[in-house]
Protein backbone atom coordinates (compact mmCIF):
# COMPACT_ATOMS: atom_id res chain seq x y z
CA UNK A 1 148.64 92.32 81.41
CA UNK A 2 147.92 91.18 84.92
CA UNK A 3 150.69 93.49 86.35
CA UNK A 4 149.08 96.44 84.85
CA UNK A 5 145.79 95.72 86.58
CA UNK A 6 147.45 95.27 90.01
CA UNK A 7 149.35 98.64 89.54
CA UNK A 8 145.98 100.27 88.62
CA UNK A 9 144.45 99.09 91.72
CA UNK A 10 147.25 100.24 93.82
CA UNK A 11 147.03 103.74 92.22
CA UNK A 12 143.37 103.79 93.03
CA UNK A 13 144.04 102.99 96.72
CA UNK A 14 146.53 105.61 97.12
CA UNK A 15 144.46 108.20 95.18
CA UNK A 16 141.58 107.70 97.71
CA UNK A 17 144.19 107.99 100.60
CA UNK A 18 145.33 111.33 99.13
CA UNK A 19 141.78 112.74 99.64
CA UNK A 20 140.54 114.13 102.85
CA UNK A 21 139.02 111.71 105.42
CA UNK A 22 135.44 111.18 104.96
CA UNK A 23 134.45 109.92 108.31
CA UNK A 24 131.00 110.46 109.79
CA UNK A 25 130.71 113.81 111.57
CA UNK A 26 129.79 112.44 114.99
CA UNK A 27 132.57 109.63 114.92
CA UNK A 28 135.38 110.43 117.41
CA UNK A 29 138.54 108.61 118.32
CA UNK A 30 137.92 106.43 121.61
CA UNK A 31 139.17 108.29 124.63
CA UNK A 32 140.36 106.75 127.90
CA UNK A 33 137.18 107.66 129.87
CA UNK A 34 136.70 107.03 133.56
CA UNK A 35 134.28 104.13 132.78
CA UNK A 36 136.88 102.54 130.52
CA UNK A 37 139.66 102.95 133.21
CA UNK A 38 137.30 101.23 135.84
CA UNK A 39 136.79 98.25 133.35
CA UNK A 40 140.68 98.13 132.76
CA UNK A 41 141.40 98.10 136.38
CA UNK A 42 138.79 95.34 137.11
CA UNK A 43 140.01 93.27 134.32
CA UNK A 44 143.67 93.61 135.40
CA UNK A 45 142.68 92.49 138.95
CA UNK A 46 140.90 89.36 137.46
CA UNK A 47 143.91 88.58 135.33
CA UNK A 48 146.25 88.84 138.36
CA UNK A 49 143.81 86.80 140.48
CA UNK A 50 143.95 83.97 137.97
CA UNK A 51 147.65 84.04 137.80
CA UNK A 52 147.98 83.74 141.69
CA UNK A 53 145.37 81.12 141.79
CA UNK A 54 147.46 78.92 139.31
CA UNK A 55 150.70 79.72 140.95
CA UNK A 56 149.41 78.56 144.45
CA UNK A 57 147.78 75.45 142.96
CA UNK A 58 144.32 76.48 144.28
CA UNK A 59 140.83 75.29 143.68
CA UNK A 60 141.14 76.56 140.09
CA UNK A 61 143.82 74.07 139.43
CA UNK A 62 141.53 71.31 140.78
CA UNK A 63 138.88 72.40 138.64
CA UNK A 64 141.15 72.12 135.51
CA UNK A 65 141.93 68.61 136.42
CA UNK A 66 138.19 67.58 136.95
CA UNK A 67 137.32 68.88 133.56
CA UNK A 68 140.22 67.25 132.04
CA UNK A 69 139.33 63.89 133.45
CA UNK A 70 135.73 64.56 132.32
CA UNK A 71 136.99 64.53 128.68
CA UNK A 72 134.25 66.48 126.97
CA UNK A 73 135.36 65.39 123.45
CA UNK A 74 134.43 61.80 124.50
CA UNK A 75 131.12 62.81 125.96
CA UNK A 76 129.96 64.51 122.92
CA UNK A 77 131.84 63.12 119.86
CA UNK A 78 129.24 64.27 117.48
CA UNK A 79 130.48 67.81 117.89
CA UNK A 80 134.12 67.25 117.29
CA UNK A 81 134.04 67.72 113.56
CA UNK A 82 132.34 71.06 113.76
CA UNK A 83 134.39 72.32 116.59
CA UNK A 84 137.59 71.42 114.75
CA UNK A 85 136.59 74.17 112.13
CA UNK A 86 135.19 76.49 114.57
CA UNK A 87 138.47 76.76 116.53
CA UNK A 88 140.10 78.17 113.34
CA UNK A 89 138.32 81.62 114.24
CA UNK A 90 140.90 81.82 117.03
CA UNK A 91 144.02 81.05 114.92
CA UNK A 92 146.11 84.30 114.34
CA UNK A 93 146.84 83.66 110.71
CA UNK A 94 143.34 83.16 109.17
CA UNK A 95 141.66 85.64 111.39
CA UNK A 96 144.32 88.33 110.87
CA UNK A 97 143.93 88.05 107.02
CA UNK A 98 140.13 88.17 107.24
CA UNK A 99 140.07 91.27 109.51
CA UNK A 100 142.81 92.95 107.68
CA UNK A 101 140.79 92.51 104.37
CA UNK A 102 137.69 94.16 106.10
CA UNK A 103 139.81 96.97 107.56
CA UNK A 104 141.48 97.57 104.23
CA UNK A 105 138.13 98.11 102.63
CA UNK A 106 137.31 100.54 105.52
CA UNK A 107 140.64 102.45 104.79
CA UNK A 108 139.58 102.69 101.26
CA UNK A 109 136.16 104.13 102.20
CA UNK A 110 137.42 106.43 104.84
CA UNK A 111 140.58 107.50 102.97
CA UNK A 112 142.78 106.77 106.11
CA UNK A 113 145.29 104.16 107.26
CA UNK A 114 143.97 104.28 110.91
CA UNK A 115 142.14 101.00 110.87
CA UNK A 116 144.94 99.04 109.51
CA UNK A 117 147.52 100.66 111.77
CA UNK A 118 145.24 100.10 114.77
CA UNK A 119 145.03 96.38 113.94
CA UNK A 120 148.76 96.19 113.65
CA UNK A 121 149.19 97.91 117.02
CA UNK A 122 146.76 95.59 118.67
CA UNK A 123 148.37 92.44 117.10
CA UNK A 124 151.82 93.73 118.33
CA UNK A 125 150.67 94.24 121.85
CA UNK A 126 148.99 90.65 121.71
CA UNK A 127 152.27 88.98 120.75
CA UNK A 128 154.31 90.87 123.23
CA UNK A 129 152.14 90.49 126.30
CA UNK A 130 150.63 86.94 125.75
CA UNK A 131 154.02 85.61 124.32
CA UNK A 132 155.86 86.96 127.32
CA UNK A 133 153.60 85.31 129.91
CA UNK A 134 153.49 82.01 127.94
CA UNK A 135 157.22 81.73 127.89
CA UNK A 136 157.60 82.99 131.38
CA UNK A 137 155.32 80.45 133.04
CA UNK A 138 156.04 77.63 130.74
CA UNK A 139 152.86 75.58 131.60
CA UNK A 140 152.07 72.24 129.89
CA UNK A 141 148.80 71.35 128.35
CA UNK A 142 146.32 68.77 129.53
CA UNK A 143 147.65 66.13 126.88
CA UNK A 144 151.12 66.57 128.34
CA UNK A 145 150.68 66.79 131.97
CA UNK A 146 153.00 64.68 133.99
CA UNK A 147 151.51 64.91 137.73
CA UNK A 148 147.92 64.75 138.63
CA UNK A 149 146.94 67.72 140.68
CA UNK A 150 149.86 69.83 139.73
CA UNK A 151 149.63 73.27 137.93
CA UNK A 152 152.35 71.99 135.52
CA UNK A 153 154.17 75.37 135.58
CA UNK A 154 157.84 75.99 134.42
CA UNK A 155 157.95 72.92 132.55
CA UNK A 156 158.77 74.28 129.08
CA UNK A 157 155.17 74.62 127.95
CA UNK A 158 153.46 77.47 126.14
CA UNK A 159 149.72 77.29 126.64
CA UNK A 160 148.99 79.72 129.60
CA UNK A 161 147.27 81.84 128.73
CA UNK A 162 145.26 80.56 125.80
CA UNK A 163 146.52 82.20 122.59
CA UNK A 164 143.54 81.15 120.51
CA UNK A 165 141.11 82.81 123.00
CA UNK A 166 143.19 86.08 123.48
CA UNK A 167 143.51 86.31 119.55
CA UNK A 168 139.77 85.79 119.04
CA UNK A 169 139.09 88.60 121.55
CA UNK A 170 141.38 91.11 119.94
CA UNK A 171 141.00 90.39 116.15
CA UNK A 172 137.17 90.29 116.37
CA UNK A 173 136.94 92.92 119.11
CA UNK A 174 138.98 95.35 117.01
CA UNK A 175 135.95 95.57 114.68
CA UNK A 176 133.81 96.80 117.51
CA UNK A 177 136.48 99.23 118.59
CA UNK A 178 136.75 100.84 115.09
CA UNK A 179 132.82 100.98 114.38
CA UNK A 180 131.40 103.99 112.80
CA UNK A 181 128.05 104.23 114.85
CA UNK A 182 126.92 103.14 118.34
CA UNK A 183 124.55 100.49 116.93
CA UNK A 184 127.22 99.08 114.84
CA UNK A 185 129.65 99.00 117.93
CA UNK A 186 127.19 97.20 120.04
CA UNK A 187 126.25 94.78 117.41
CA UNK A 188 129.90 93.90 116.75
CA UNK A 189 130.73 93.70 120.37
CA UNK A 190 128.09 90.98 120.79
CA UNK A 191 129.43 89.16 117.78
CA UNK A 192 132.99 89.31 119.02
CA UNK A 193 132.02 88.19 122.48
CA UNK A 194 130.11 85.17 121.20
CA UNK A 195 133.00 84.25 118.96
CA UNK A 196 135.78 84.58 121.59
CA UNK A 197 133.64 82.57 124.15
CA UNK A 198 132.92 79.90 121.63
CA UNK A 199 136.65 79.55 120.60
CA UNK A 200 137.71 79.40 124.31
CA UNK A 201 135.06 76.77 125.20
CA UNK A 202 136.07 74.77 122.05
CA UNK A 203 139.82 74.55 123.17
CA UNK A 204 138.61 73.07 126.63
CA UNK A 205 136.33 70.63 124.74
CA UNK A 206 139.32 69.59 122.44
CA UNK A 207 141.58 69.16 125.50
CA UNK A 208 144.18 71.54 124.36
CA UNK A 209 143.74 74.08 127.19
CA UNK A 210 142.89 74.12 130.76
CA UNK A 211 139.94 76.22 132.02
CA UNK A 212 142.28 78.69 133.69
CA UNK A 213 144.12 79.09 130.32
CA UNK A 214 140.98 80.14 128.64
CA UNK A 215 139.91 82.54 131.53
CA UNK A 216 143.47 84.14 131.47
CA UNK A 217 143.23 84.44 127.60
CA UNK A 218 139.80 86.40 127.67
CA UNK A 219 141.32 88.71 130.26
CA UNK A 220 144.47 89.25 128.18
CA UNK A 221 142.49 90.08 125.08
CA UNK A 222 140.10 92.33 126.90
CA UNK A 223 143.08 94.36 128.47
CA UNK A 224 144.53 95.03 125.15
CA UNK A 225 141.21 96.38 123.70
CA UNK A 226 140.55 98.49 126.77
CA UNK A 227 144.14 100.04 126.58
CA UNK A 228 144.01 100.83 122.90
CA UNK A 229 143.04 104.61 123.35
CA UNK A 230 146.29 105.15 125.09
CA UNK A 231 148.11 104.27 121.62
CA UNK A 232 145.88 106.57 119.62
CA UNK A 233 148.38 109.36 119.54
CA UNK A 234 151.17 106.84 118.31
CA UNK A 235 148.67 105.60 115.70
CA UNK A 236 148.06 109.20 114.31
CA UNK A 237 151.80 109.83 114.32
CA UNK A 238 152.45 106.59 112.44
CA UNK A 239 149.89 107.42 109.83
CA UNK A 240 151.38 111.09 109.37
CA UNK A 241 154.93 109.55 109.15
CA UNK A 242 153.81 107.06 106.43
CA UNK A 243 152.52 109.91 104.28
CA UNK A 244 155.71 112.01 104.98
CA UNK A 245 157.90 109.17 103.80
CA UNK A 246 155.93 109.05 100.67
CA UNK A 247 156.25 112.72 99.98
CA UNK A 248 160.16 112.44 100.75
CA UNK A 249 160.26 109.62 98.07
CA UNK A 250 158.48 111.64 95.63
CA UNK A 251 160.96 114.61 96.00
CA UNK A 252 163.95 112.15 95.59
CA UNK A 253 162.39 110.82 92.56
CA UNK A 254 161.78 114.08 91.15
CA UNK A 255 165.50 115.25 91.80
CA UNK A 256 167.15 112.09 90.58
CA UNK A 257 168.48 110.99 93.74
CA UNK A 258 166.90 107.40 93.47
CA UNK A 259 168.05 104.59 91.20
CA UNK A 260 165.97 103.89 88.14
CA UNK A 261 164.86 100.53 89.16
CA UNK A 262 163.57 101.76 92.55
CA UNK A 263 161.68 104.52 90.93
CA UNK A 264 160.01 102.08 88.56
CA UNK A 265 159.02 99.96 91.29
CA UNK A 266 157.63 102.73 93.49
CA UNK A 267 155.94 104.76 90.92
CA UNK A 268 152.60 102.99 91.28
CA UNK A 269 152.71 103.81 94.97
CA UNK A 270 153.91 107.51 94.46
CA UNK A 271 151.72 108.51 91.58
CA UNK A 272 148.52 108.32 93.62
CA UNK A 273 146.28 107.37 90.69
CA UNK A 274 147.64 110.09 88.24
CA UNK A 275 147.76 113.16 90.80
CA UNK A 276 151.59 112.94 90.78
CA UNK A 277 153.90 112.28 87.87
CA UNK A 278 157.62 112.31 87.51
CA UNK A 279 158.63 115.94 86.54
CA UNK A 280 161.66 116.69 84.44
CA UNK A 281 164.62 118.19 86.33
CA UNK A 282 165.21 120.87 83.75
CA UNK A 283 163.48 124.05 82.43
CA UNK A 284 163.22 125.70 79.16
CA UNK A 285 166.61 126.59 77.63
CA UNK A 286 167.87 129.94 76.64
CA UNK A 287 168.68 130.82 73.00
CA UNK A 288 171.98 132.32 71.57
CA UNK A 289 171.55 134.66 68.84
CA UNK A 290 174.44 134.87 66.38
CA UNK A 291 174.98 138.13 64.53
CA UNK A 292 177.19 139.01 61.58
CA UNK A 293 178.99 142.14 60.59
CA UNK A 294 176.24 142.92 57.91
CA UNK A 295 173.52 142.90 60.40
CA UNK A 296 172.18 139.66 59.17
CA UNK A 297 170.70 137.41 62.07
CA UNK A 298 171.21 133.85 61.83
CA UNK A 299 168.86 131.38 63.28
CA UNK A 300 168.99 130.75 67.01
CA UNK A 301 170.99 127.83 68.19
CA UNK A 302 169.36 126.16 71.18
CA UNK A 303 171.96 125.16 73.75
CA UNK A 304 171.42 123.02 76.85
CA UNK A 305 171.72 124.72 80.16
CA UNK A 306 172.25 122.89 83.48
CA UNK A 307 169.10 122.62 85.37
CA UNK A 308 166.91 123.36 82.25
CA UNK A 309 165.21 121.42 79.60
CA UNK A 310 164.49 122.57 75.92
CA UNK A 311 161.15 122.95 74.39
CA UNK A 312 161.58 119.79 72.42
CA UNK A 313 162.36 117.89 75.52
CA UNK A 314 159.11 119.30 77.13
CA UNK A 315 157.13 118.01 74.10
CA UNK A 316 158.77 114.60 74.31
CA UNK A 317 157.14 111.77 76.01
CA UNK A 318 157.87 111.52 79.78
CA UNK A 319 159.60 108.40 79.22
CA UNK A 320 162.35 110.03 77.16
CA UNK A 321 163.52 112.31 80.18
CA UNK A 322 162.80 111.28 83.63
CA UNK A 323 163.98 112.64 87.00
CA UNK A 324 165.94 109.45 87.81
CA UNK A 325 168.28 109.93 84.85
CA UNK A 326 169.58 113.56 85.00
CA UNK A 327 172.36 112.82 82.74
CA UNK A 328 170.17 111.98 79.85
CA UNK A 329 169.36 115.14 77.93
CA UNK A 330 167.41 115.40 74.61
CA UNK A 331 169.45 115.77 71.43
CA UNK A 332 168.57 119.23 69.87
CA UNK A 333 168.89 119.46 66.09
CA UNK A 334 169.00 122.97 64.85
CA UNK A 335 167.04 123.82 61.53
CA UNK A 336 169.05 123.31 58.59
CA UNK A 337 169.94 126.31 56.27
CA UNK A 338 169.84 126.48 52.35
CA UNK A 339 173.13 125.60 50.63
CA UNK A 340 174.49 128.47 48.40
CA UNK A 341 177.55 128.72 46.25
CA UNK A 342 180.57 130.94 46.96
CA UNK A 343 179.35 133.66 44.34
CA UNK A 344 175.99 134.02 46.11
CA UNK A 345 177.33 134.34 49.61
CA UNK A 346 177.31 137.59 51.32
CA UNK A 347 180.71 139.02 51.56
CA UNK A 348 181.82 139.51 55.19
CA UNK A 349 183.79 142.48 56.13
CA UNK A 350 186.24 141.99 58.99
CA UNK A 351 185.20 144.13 61.95
CA UNK A 352 187.86 146.85 62.74
CA UNK A 353 191.15 147.58 61.17
CA UNK A 354 194.76 146.91 62.28
CA UNK A 355 195.93 150.36 61.44
CA UNK A 356 195.45 153.22 63.81
CA UNK A 357 192.64 155.63 63.07
CA UNK A 358 193.82 159.07 61.47
CA UNK A 359 191.33 161.72 62.72
CA UNK A 360 193.00 164.54 60.65
CA UNK A 361 192.57 162.91 57.21
CA UNK A 362 188.94 161.90 58.02
CA UNK A 363 188.21 165.50 59.06
CA UNK A 364 189.85 166.82 55.84
CA UNK A 365 187.99 164.53 53.57
CA UNK A 366 184.68 165.48 55.36
CA UNK A 367 185.12 169.18 54.87
CA UNK A 368 186.01 168.89 51.11
CA UNK A 369 183.13 166.73 50.15
CA UNK A 370 180.46 169.01 51.54
CA UNK A 371 180.51 172.91 51.51
CA UNK A 372 180.02 174.66 54.66
CA UNK A 373 176.73 176.76 54.49
CA UNK A 374 176.40 179.99 56.37
CA UNK A 375 177.87 183.44 56.22
């Protein structure tokens, strides 16, 4: 019973996706404007400056050590319990689930997969860019530092840049990126900025990241958000490809080129809330009329034809004949005829004779039987 409810929900989701997008008329896909390009270039320059400052063990590294020795978690221990929960807003698993749930509802309302695909593209870019820098620089965290005043690079660590901070910027910032109105976009931008700043500061308080880790994490997340318009064509093609694949699966299910278990599993996703159903692979059959020498016409005998289905099969339930089992054809039972004894049967005269026809005799008999009129 529970499975039926889940299937019904899936059908409702794809039924809404089959409809035309109902986005606000003034909503447009973000473009790579000149203002955005300037912000992207400035953020990239800030990103490179932080990396260079850490590589050269500059004043930024000294600031990292000063704050580490200050130990904020010992200065304000009463905040420790609350900030332990607040930092969860930067963890990729919980935040991705929460944001995906919201964007899934947006997809339901707008009848498009674009919000979910955009989130997937942003998280993929985040994993590639941040993960590559983490593994490439290999910086150790404050709790694992070995040499005072050192940048702790290329030591097998993975905390530079801060993954919590970058993830908070991307996952919460994607809500502002996909906002429907300008007011909503500004409000969500402020909310995402507050959340990402709080998560970054919390990691410094807990002693899990250097200050430079947090600064680079903010920059990395902002770079991804600013570069997303470049990936809008890819997002649109991906959405089109998803629906094209579904149409292809529909055609294969209808023509019987898909195993029965696969069709049964994919039917809730392909049916689109009842708008599409498995159609039989055959059509109405022809009828063969059998005649006799006496001119009596017997009842038509329906015969199955390859690529056709009988009227009885069309009236049968859909579960009897499906497209994924083309060899299963309905059994046609012709109507029974009344039983008669030999004396009541109509004599059947064989058609034709084995002897050759004699035209002279037939003409003579014909002239003798009827006189010729006229003078």
